[in-house]
Amino acid sequence: MSERSAAVERRGAGRGRARRPRTRRAEILEAAIDAFAHDGYHGTSMADIAVAVGVSPPALYRHFRNKQDLLGQCLRVGLGECAQRVEEAGRDDPAGAKVLAEVVRVGLEVRVLPRLWQLEFRHVSAADRSAVLRLAVRMVGNLRAAIRARRPELTAADVELLSWCVLSIAVSPSYHRAELPAAVTARVLDAAVTAVVDVPLPATADNPAPRTAKAGSGGTELDRALRTERILAEAARLFSLHGYAAVGIEDIGAAVGITGPALYHHFSCKAEVLDHIVRRHDEWMGLLMARALAEGQGAAGAMRSMLHGFAQLGVDDPDLLGITMSETRHLPEDAVRRYRRVRLDGIERWARMLHAVRPELPIPVARILIRAVTTVVIESVRNPRLYRRTDLVDALTAIGEAIEAAPVPLRKPGPVTATEPRQ
């Protein structure tokens, strides 16, 4: 048995392999969602999933045509159930409060599914892609209705923005391990959602002008002098669009206008290109934090500077933010651990900045709010429905400040302690 198969089998242990055959399809989907989210589409085989379920690989093909079909069904079935729950909440409460609460609880209960949707959606078939998008739009449609019911004065563009931001808050726990009991986390996220729905937004047109693409350097001497930078930029775009595993050295070379082997004059391998991109992100984050702290405006001013800088970085280079969420796992394990420590340290410092402004917030609660802020920014700048807004930096800054200021109801005085170690 391979090391990966052994890991998959350990994750699948205790799932009750003696279930009746009529539950087998659901059991396969559950194991596949877990495996795809953990190891990625390219890092997971049908044999791995069969091991987790406790059946032979051929048995999987009685339920699913191939791995791509299985991934598509994971997303279609999982998101379909989520969308149905949110719709039912809307029928019970036309005012929308139950919809906003339900989407938070759905996000907490299916923590792996949103991560799978964000990271592996690009690998499903065209038919499944259309079906999954319809489900996502259907769910956001219920959020739109809930927000319109609460704030009928908003423009369609603002309703769209807030709807996707609410969804991002709800799924933000998918990108880190649980620290607090689910009931406490739900109260924190409920407060963040309410604050975002009520946030005053900068004035914007109903149909803002599309954001223009960055101009290239046109093959000049300057372009040749900065070829390493162009390689990193094009690699980031391709990794973000297709995934690291699906992009070859030749693809990066073609995007830059050189042969694939010529890249080896700049980088020893594709993994080194990815490592440089991730390192660049962490350098930017370190600079943003250092600048925020050095401006000497106190904790509140530093937090505002950090938030605005992060939103600006996301709008200027959405691929850079997206890759750190989706592709870091392809690096060697020691690099993954190193970058995870850097990332955790950044979240911790930002959370302590928030705690300095709001000392009544326990640090674990502050971390939940900061992770919600970062998820909103990262997902918004990668969403074609939102990226076209010319005021996106200001809008995301206002939304982030609302999340940070959310009045979290802490029922008991005293410290709130984490129940699980942080990732």
Protein backbone atom coordinates (compact mmCIF):
# COMPACT_ATOMS: atom_id res chain seq x y z
CA MET A 1 0.00 0.00 0.00
CA SER A 2 1.34 3.46 -0.91
CA GLU A 3 1.98 6.10 1.76
CA ARG A 4 -0.86 8.19 0.35
CA SER A 5 -3.26 5.25 0.38
CA ALA A 6 -2.31 4.54 3.99
CA ALA A 7 -3.05 8.16 4.90
CA VAL A 8 -6.39 8.04 3.11
CA GLU A 9 -7.25 4.80 4.90
CA ARG A 10 -6.45 6.40 8.27
CA ARG A 11 -8.69 9.36 7.45
CA GLY A 12 -11.46 6.98 6.44
CA ALA A 13 -11.12 4.80 9.53
CA GLY A 14 -14.18 4.66 11.71
CA ARG A 15 -16.66 5.59 9.01
CA GLY A 16 -18.57 2.36 9.37
CA ARG A 17 -17.54 0.24 6.42
CA ALA A 18 -20.17 -2.33 7.29
CA ARG A 19 -22.92 0.00 6.08
CA ARG A 20 -25.55 -1.44 3.82
CA PRO A 21 -24.83 -1.32 0.10
CA ARG A 22 -27.64 1.19 -0.44
CA THR A 23 -25.51 3.81 1.36
CA ARG A 24 -22.36 2.98 -0.61
CA ARG A 25 -22.65 5.87 -3.07
CA ALA A 26 -22.99 8.40 -0.26
CA GLU A 27 -20.07 6.78 1.56
CA ILE A 28 -17.91 7.02 -1.56
CA LEU A 29 -18.81 10.70 -1.98
CA GLU A 30 -17.93 11.42 1.65
CA ALA A 31 -14.55 9.73 1.34
CA ALA A 32 -13.84 11.39 -2.00
CA ILE A 33 -14.61 14.89 -0.69
CA ASP A 34 -12.18 14.29 2.17
CA ALA A 35 -9.45 12.90 -0.09
CA PHE A 36 -9.76 15.55 -2.83
CA ALA A 37 -9.72 18.37 -0.27
CA HIS A 38 -6.69 16.92 1.51
CA ASP A 39 -4.50 15.75 -1.39
CA GLY A 40 -5.96 17.60 -4.35
CA TYR A 41 -7.49 16.25 -7.53
CA HIS A 42 -4.18 15.28 -9.11
CA GLY A 43 -2.85 13.85 -5.85
CA THR A 44 -5.80 11.52 -5.34
CA SER A 45 -6.51 8.28 -7.21
CA MET A 46 -9.60 6.13 -7.40
CA ALA A 47 -7.57 3.48 -5.57
CA ASP A 48 -7.00 5.89 -2.67
CA ILE A 49 -10.74 6.49 -2.36
CA ALA A 50 -11.47 2.78 -2.62
CA VAL A 51 -9.08 2.14 0.27
CA ALA A 52 -10.82 4.78 2.39
CA VAL A 53 -14.23 3.22 1.72
CA GLY A 54 -13.03 -0.37 2.04
CA VAL A 55 -13.95 -1.61 -1.43
CA SER A 56 -12.02 -2.62 -4.52
CA PRO A 57 -11.30 0.08 -7.14
CA PRO A 58 -13.56 -1.59 -9.75
CA ALA A 59 -16.46 -1.24 -7.30
CA LEU A 60 -16.17 2.56 -7.56
CA TYR A 61 -16.77 2.40 -11.31
CA ARG A 62 -20.19 0.88 -10.74
CA HIS A 63 -21.19 4.26 -9.26
CA PHE A 64 -18.97 6.76 -11.12
CA ARG A 65 -17.52 6.75 -14.63
CA ASN A 66 -14.09 8.08 -13.63
CA LYS A 67 -12.32 10.38 -11.17
CA GLN A 68 -13.53 13.53 -12.91
CA ASP A 69 -17.13 12.33 -12.72
CA LEU A 70 -16.65 11.53 -9.02
CA LEU A 71 -15.30 15.02 -8.29
CA GLY A 72 -18.19 16.60 -10.17
CA GLN A 73 -20.73 14.55 -8.22
CA CYS A 74 -19.06 15.48 -4.93
CA LEU A 75 -19.62 19.15 -5.70
CA ARG A 76 -23.07 18.76 -7.25
CA VAL A 77 -24.50 16.64 -4.45
CA GLY A 78 -22.79 18.55 -1.64
CA LEU A 79 -23.66 22.03 -2.89
CA GLY A 80 -27.14 20.88 -3.86
CA GLU A 81 -27.86 19.87 -0.26
CA CYS A 82 -26.45 23.19 1.01
CA ALA A 83 -28.52 25.22 -1.44
CA GLN A 84 -31.67 23.31 -0.46
CA ARG A 85 -31.14 24.06 3.23
CA VAL A 86 -30.65 27.77 2.55
CA GLU A 87 -33.75 27.85 0.32
CA GLU A 88 -35.86 26.18 2.99
CA ALA A 89 -34.70 28.79 5.49
CA GLY A 90 -35.81 31.49 3.05
CA ARG A 91 -39.28 29.98 2.72
CA ASP A 92 -39.67 29.97 6.51
CA ASP A 93 -38.60 33.62 6.89
CA PRO A 94 -39.10 36.05 3.98
CA ALA A 95 -37.37 38.77 6.04
CA GLY A 96 -34.11 36.91 5.50
CA ALA A 97 -32.73 36.51 9.03
CA LYS A 98 -32.99 32.71 8.90
CA VAL A 99 -31.18 32.59 5.55
CA LEU A 100 -28.21 34.51 6.95
CA ALA A 101 -28.08 32.28 10.03
CA GLU A 102 -28.48 29.06 8.05
CA VAL A 103 -25.67 29.80 5.62
CA VAL A 104 -23.28 30.17 8.58
CA ARG A 105 -24.37 26.84 10.05
CA VAL A 106 -24.12 25.11 6.70
CA GLY A 107 -20.59 26.44 6.33
CA LEU A 108 -19.60 25.11 9.73
CA GLU A 109 -21.13 21.69 9.13
CA VAL A 110 -19.58 21.09 5.70
CA ARG A 111 -16.18 22.67 6.33
CA VAL A 112 -14.36 20.53 3.74
CA LEU A 113 -16.80 21.14 0.87
CA PRO A 114 -16.18 24.89 0.37
CA ARG A 115 -12.45 24.26 0.29
CA LEU A 116 -12.98 21.57 -2.34
CA TRP A 117 -15.13 23.95 -4.36
CA GLN A 118 -12.52 26.71 -4.28
CA LEU A 119 -9.48 24.54 -4.97
CA GLU A 120 -10.65 21.81 -7.35
CA PHE A 121 -13.63 23.25 -9.24
CA ARG A 122 -11.50 23.88 -12.35
CA HIS A 123 -11.01 20.11 -12.82
CA VAL A 124 -14.67 19.13 -13.29
CA SER A 125 -16.27 18.57 -16.69
CA ALA A 126 -17.99 21.40 -18.52
CA ALA A 127 -21.43 19.97 -17.73
CA ASP A 128 -20.65 19.63 -14.02
CA ARG A 129 -19.05 23.08 -14.00
CA SER A 130 -22.27 24.61 -15.29
CA ALA A 131 -24.35 22.66 -12.79
CA VAL A 132 -22.14 23.66 -9.85
CA LEU A 133 -22.18 27.32 -10.88
CA ARG A 134 -25.97 27.23 -11.06
CA LEU A 135 -26.06 25.84 -7.52
CA ALA A 136 -23.70 28.54 -6.26
CA VAL A 137 -25.73 31.28 -7.96
CA ARG A 138 -28.90 29.74 -6.56
CA MET A 139 -27.51 29.90 -3.04
CA VAL A 140 -26.27 33.45 -3.49
CA GLY A 141 -29.69 34.33 -4.92
CA ASN A 142 -31.21 33.51 -1.55
CA LEU A 143 -28.62 35.71 0.12
CA ARG A 144 -29.46 38.51 -2.32
CA ALA A 145 -33.13 38.27 -1.39
CA ALA A 146 -32.29 38.32 2.33
CA ILE A 147 -30.08 41.39 1.93
CA ARG A 148 -32.62 43.22 -0.25
CA ALA A 149 -35.28 42.57 2.37
CA ARG A 150 -33.05 44.18 4.99
CA ARG A 151 -31.64 46.99 2.83
CA PRO A 152 -33.92 47.80 -0.11
CA GLU A 153 -31.99 51.02 -0.83
CA LEU A 154 -28.87 49.19 -2.06
CA THR A 155 -27.93 49.06 -5.73
CA ALA A 156 -27.84 45.71 -7.49
CA ALA A 157 -24.02 45.88 -7.57
CA ASP A 158 -23.83 46.41 -3.81
CA VAL A 159 -26.29 43.60 -3.10
CA GLU A 160 -24.16 41.31 -5.27
CA LEU A 161 -20.98 42.28 -3.42
CA LEU A 162 -22.47 41.82 0.04
CA SER A 163 -24.06 38.49 -0.91
CA TRP A 164 -20.74 36.94 -1.94
CA CYS A 165 -19.00 38.46 1.08
CA VAL A 166 -21.57 36.88 3.41
CA LEU A 167 -20.91 33.53 1.74
CA SER A 168 -17.14 34.04 2.18
CA ILE A 169 -17.61 34.71 5.90
CA ALA A 170 -19.70 31.55 6.23
CA VAL A 171 -17.08 29.36 4.57
CA SER A 172 -14.03 31.01 6.17
CA PRO A 173 -13.67 28.20 8.78
CA SER A 174 -12.98 25.82 5.90
CA TYR A 175 -9.44 27.19 5.62
CA HIS A 176 -8.29 26.57 9.20
CA ARG A 177 -8.80 24.11 12.00
CA ALA A 178 -11.52 24.63 14.58
CA GLU A 179 -10.36 26.51 17.66
CA LEU A 180 -13.63 27.15 19.44
CA PRO A 181 -16.83 25.13 19.91
CA ALA A 182 -19.12 25.33 16.89
CA ALA A 183 -21.78 27.25 18.84
CA VAL A 184 -19.27 29.98 19.78
CA THR A 185 -17.88 30.17 16.25
CA ALA A 186 -21.43 30.46 14.87
CA ARG A 187 -22.15 33.43 17.14
CA VAL A 188 -18.95 35.16 16.03
CA LEU A 189 -19.71 34.60 12.35
CA ASP A 190 -23.37 35.61 12.80
CA ALA A 191 -22.16 38.93 14.21
CA ALA A 192 -19.75 39.37 11.30
CA VAL A 193 -22.49 38.63 8.76
CA THR A 194 -24.89 41.10 10.36
CA ALA A 195 -22.20 43.79 10.44
CA VAL A 196 -21.42 43.27 6.75
CA VAL A 197 -25.06 43.32 5.67
CA ASP A 198 -25.49 46.65 7.46
CA VAL A 199 -22.18 48.24 6.34
CA PRO A 200 -22.29 51.62 4.53
CA LEU A 201 -20.57 51.17 1.18
CA PRO A 202 -18.86 53.75 -1.04
CA ALA A 203 -21.15 55.10 -3.75
CA THR A 204 -20.79 53.19 -7.01
CA ALA A 205 -22.58 52.87 -10.32
CA ASP A 206 -24.94 49.96 -10.83
CA ASN A 207 -22.70 48.74 -13.66
CA PRO A 208 -19.15 49.89 -12.92
CA ALA A 209 -16.68 50.06 -15.77
CA PRO A 210 -14.62 46.90 -16.25
CA ARG A 211 -11.16 46.95 -14.75
CA THR A 212 -8.53 47.15 -17.49
CA ALA A 213 -5.82 44.52 -17.82
CA LYS A 214 -2.29 45.42 -16.91
CA ALA A 215 -0.21 46.57 -19.82
CA GLY A 216 2.68 44.33 -20.84
CA SER A 217 6.21 45.55 -21.44
CA GLY A 218 6.10 44.70 -25.12
CA GLY A 219 9.31 42.71 -25.49
CA THR A 220 11.63 45.67 -24.87
CA GLU A 221 15.10 45.67 -23.33
CA LEU A 222 13.40 46.35 -20.01
CA ASP A 223 11.29 43.24 -20.55
CA ARG A 224 14.39 41.11 -21.09
CA ALA A 225 16.06 42.61 -18.01
CA LEU A 226 13.01 41.77 -15.92
CA ARG A 227 12.33 38.37 -17.46
CA THR A 228 12.49 36.64 -14.08
CA GLU A 229 9.67 38.87 -12.88
CA ARG A 230 7.62 38.09 -15.98
CA ILE A 231 8.16 34.37 -15.43
CA LEU A 232 6.86 34.67 -11.88
CA ALA A 233 3.86 36.75 -12.97
CA GLU A 234 2.87 34.41 -15.81
CA ALA A 235 3.45 31.31 -13.69
CA ALA A 236 1.23 32.77 -10.96
CA ARG A 237 -1.51 33.44 -13.52
CA LEU A 238 -1.30 29.92 -14.96
CA PHE A 239 -1.10 28.21 -11.56
CA SER A 240 -4.13 30.17 -10.40
CA LEU A 241 -6.10 29.43 -13.58
CA HIS A 242 -5.24 25.76 -14.14
CA GLY A 243 -3.60 24.54 -10.93
CA TYR A 244 0.07 23.83 -10.33
CA ALA A 245 -0.10 20.17 -11.35
CA ALA A 246 -1.70 20.96 -14.73
CA VAL A 247 0.91 23.55 -15.77
CA GLY A 248 4.24 22.55 -17.31
CA ILE A 249 7.49 24.41 -17.76
CA GLU A 250 6.70 24.64 -21.48
CA ASP A 251 3.38 26.38 -20.68
CA ILE A 252 5.15 29.01 -18.59
CA GLY A 253 7.79 29.51 -21.26
CA ALA A 254 5.18 29.97 -23.96
CA ALA A 255 3.38 32.58 -21.86
CA VAL A 256 6.62 34.53 -21.45
CA GLY A 257 7.68 34.08 -25.08
CA ILE A 258 10.65 31.78 -24.56
CA THR A 259 11.20 28.04 -24.82
CA GLY A 260 10.55 25.91 -21.78
CA PRO A 261 14.19 24.86 -21.32
CA ALA A 262 15.24 28.53 -21.31
CA LEU A 263 13.43 28.88 -17.98
CA TYR A 264 16.15 26.77 -16.39
CA HIS A 265 18.48 29.78 -16.77
CA HIS A 266 16.28 31.42 -14.13
CA PHE A 267 14.85 28.57 -12.03
CA SER A 268 16.02 25.01 -11.46
CA CYS A 269 12.52 23.51 -11.59
CA LYS A 270 8.81 24.32 -11.52
CA ALA A 271 8.68 23.88 -7.72
CA GLU A 272 11.28 26.63 -7.35
CA VAL A 273 9.05 28.96 -9.38
CA LEU A 274 6.15 28.23 -7.02
CA ASP A 275 8.40 28.67 -4.00
CA HIS A 276 9.45 32.13 -5.22
CA ILE A 277 5.81 33.13 -5.77
CA VAL A 278 4.76 32.04 -2.28
CA ARG A 279 7.80 33.71 -0.77
CA ARG A 280 6.92 36.91 -2.63
CA HIS A 281 3.45 36.83 -1.05
CA ASP A 282 4.88 36.42 2.43
CA GLU A 283 7.37 39.22 1.84
CA TRP A 284 4.52 41.52 0.81
CA MET A 285 2.53 40.57 3.90
CA GLY A 286 5.55 41.24 6.10
CA LEU A 287 6.04 44.64 4.49
CA LEU A 288 2.37 45.52 4.94
CA MET A 289 2.51 44.59 8.61
CA ALA A 290 5.78 46.47 9.17
CA ARG A 291 4.44 49.58 7.45
CA ALA A 292 1.19 49.44 9.41
CA LEU A 293 3.04 49.22 12.72
CA ALA A 294 5.62 51.86 11.79
CA GLU A 295 3.12 54.56 10.84
CA GLY A 296 2.66 55.30 14.54
CA GLN A 297 -1.11 55.84 14.50
CA GLY A 298 -1.82 53.43 17.32
CA ALA A 299 -3.47 50.04 17.09
CA ALA A 300 -6.58 51.33 15.32
CA GLY A 301 -4.58 53.19 12.67
CA ALA A 302 -2.23 50.23 12.18
CA MET A 303 -5.16 47.87 11.70
CA ARG A 304 -6.77 50.22 9.17
CA SER A 305 -3.49 50.50 7.26
CA MET A 306 -3.04 46.72 7.26
CA LEU A 307 -6.55 46.09 5.98
CA HIS A 308 -6.38 48.68 3.21
CA GLY A 309 -2.94 47.44 2.14
CA PHE A 310 -4.14 43.84 2.03
CA ALA A 311 -7.18 44.76 -0.07
CA GLN A 312 -4.96 46.78 -2.43
CA LEU A 313 -2.53 43.86 -2.77
CA GLY A 314 -5.43 41.56 -3.59
CA VAL A 315 -6.82 43.85 -6.28
CA ASP A 316 -3.35 44.51 -7.75
CA ASP A 317 -2.31 40.85 -7.77
CA PRO A 318 -5.22 38.45 -7.13
CA ASP A 319 -3.20 35.49 -8.42
CA LEU A 320 -0.61 36.02 -5.72
CA LEU A 321 -3.22 35.75 -2.97
CA GLY A 322 -5.04 32.87 -4.61
CA ILE A 323 -1.97 30.69 -5.05
CA THR A 324 -1.04 30.87 -1.39
CA MET A 325 -4.48 29.47 -0.60
CA SER A 326 -4.55 26.72 -3.22
CA GLU A 327 -1.09 25.69 -4.38
CA THR A 328 1.32 25.83 -1.42
CA ARG A 329 0.66 22.16 -0.68
CA HIS A 330 2.64 21.21 -3.79
CA LEU A 331 5.89 22.41 -2.20
CA PRO A 332 8.21 20.12 -0.22
CA GLU A 333 6.94 19.40 3.27
CA ASP A 334 9.56 21.50 5.02
CA ALA A 335 8.61 24.51 2.89
CA VAL A 336 4.91 23.91 3.56
CA ARG A 337 5.58 23.90 7.31
CA ARG A 338 7.71 27.03 7.06
CA TYR A 339 5.15 29.01 5.10
CA ARG A 340 2.34 27.80 7.36
CA ARG A 341 4.22 29.12 10.37
CA VAL A 342 4.73 32.47 8.63
CA ARG A 343 1.05 32.63 7.76
CA LEU A 344 -0.07 31.74 11.26
CA ASP A 345 2.25 34.35 12.70
CA GLY A 346 0.74 36.98 10.39
CA ILE A 347 -2.81 36.09 11.43
CA GLU A 348 -1.75 36.10 15.09
CA ARG A 349 -0.20 39.56 14.88
CA TRP A 350 -3.23 40.94 13.05
CA ALA A 351 -5.53 39.36 15.65
CA ARG A 352 -3.49 40.86 18.51
CA MET A 353 -3.74 44.22 16.78
CA LEU A 354 -7.53 43.80 16.84
CA HIS A 355 -7.39 42.70 20.48
CA ALA A 356 -5.46 45.89 21.33
CA VAL A 357 -8.32 47.92 19.81
CA ARG A 358 -11.02 45.69 21.32
CA PRO A 359 -9.59 44.21 24.53
CA GLU A 360 -12.94 42.59 25.35
CA LEU A 361 -12.38 40.16 22.47
CA PRO A 362 -10.55 36.96 23.39
CA ILE A 363 -7.67 36.24 21.02
CA PRO A 364 -9.33 33.08 19.54
CA VAL A 365 -12.39 35.20 18.65
CA ALA A 366 -10.17 37.89 17.14
CA ARG A 367 -8.49 35.24 14.99
CA ILE A 368 -11.87 34.05 13.68
CA LEU A 369 -12.76 37.60 12.66
CA ILE A 370 -9.39 38.23 10.98
CA ARG A 371 -9.65 34.95 9.07
CA ALA A 372 -13.10 36.01 7.91
CA VAL A 373 -11.62 39.31 6.70
CA THR A 374 -8.81 37.61 4.75
CA THR A 375 -11.20 35.07 3.20
CA VAL A 376 -13.55 37.84 2.06
CA VAL A 377 -10.70 39.73 0.38
CA ILE A 378 -9.09 36.69 -1.25
CA GLU A 379 -12.35 35.32 -2.63
CA SER A 380 -13.67 38.72 -3.73
CA VAL A 381 -10.64 39.65 -5.83
CA ARG A 382 -10.83 36.26 -7.57
CA ASN A 383 -14.57 36.55 -8.29
CA PRO A 384 -15.22 37.91 -11.82
CA ARG A 385 -18.62 39.20 -10.66
CA LEU A 386 -16.91 41.48 -8.13
CA TYR A 387 -13.46 42.23 -9.53
CA ARG A 388 -14.88 44.54 -12.19
CA ARG A 389 -15.83 47.10 -9.49
CA THR A 390 -13.50 50.07 -9.74
CA ASP A 391 -14.04 50.86 -6.06
CA LEU A 392 -13.30 47.34 -4.84
CA VAL A 393 -10.39 48.33 -2.57
CA ASP A 394 -12.49 50.91 -0.72
CA ALA A 395 -15.49 48.58 -0.57
CA LEU A 396 -13.43 45.68 0.82
CA THR A 397 -11.80 48.00 3.33
CA ALA A 398 -15.21 49.12 4.58
CA ILE A 399 -16.42 45.51 4.75
CA GLY A 400 -13.28 44.37 6.55
CA GLU A 401 -13.62 47.14 9.12
CA ALA A 402 -17.23 46.13 9.71
CA ILE A 403 -16.16 42.54 10.36
CA GLU A 404 -13.42 43.66 12.75
CA ALA A 405 -15.91 45.87 14.62
CA ALA A 406 -18.70 43.26 14.71
CA PRO A 407 -20.42 43.24 18.15
CA VAL A 408 -19.77 39.63 19.13
CA PRO A 409 -22.13 38.39 21.88
CA LEU A 410 -19.95 36.56 24.42
CA ARG A 411 -22.43 34.93 26.79
CA LYS A 412 -20.03 34.24 29.62
CA PRO A 413 -17.41 36.57 31.11
CA GLY A 414 -13.85 35.38 31.30
CA PRO A 415 -11.47 33.79 28.80
CA VAL A 416 -12.53 31.87 25.73
CA THR A 417 -10.08 29.04 25.18
CA ALA A 418 -9.37 27.06 22.05
CA THR A 419 -10.55 23.47 21.96
CA GLU A 420 -8.23 22.27 19.18
CA PRO A 421 -4.71 23.22 18.13
CA ARG A 422 -4.40 25.74 15.33
CA GLN A 423 -3.33 24.54 11.90
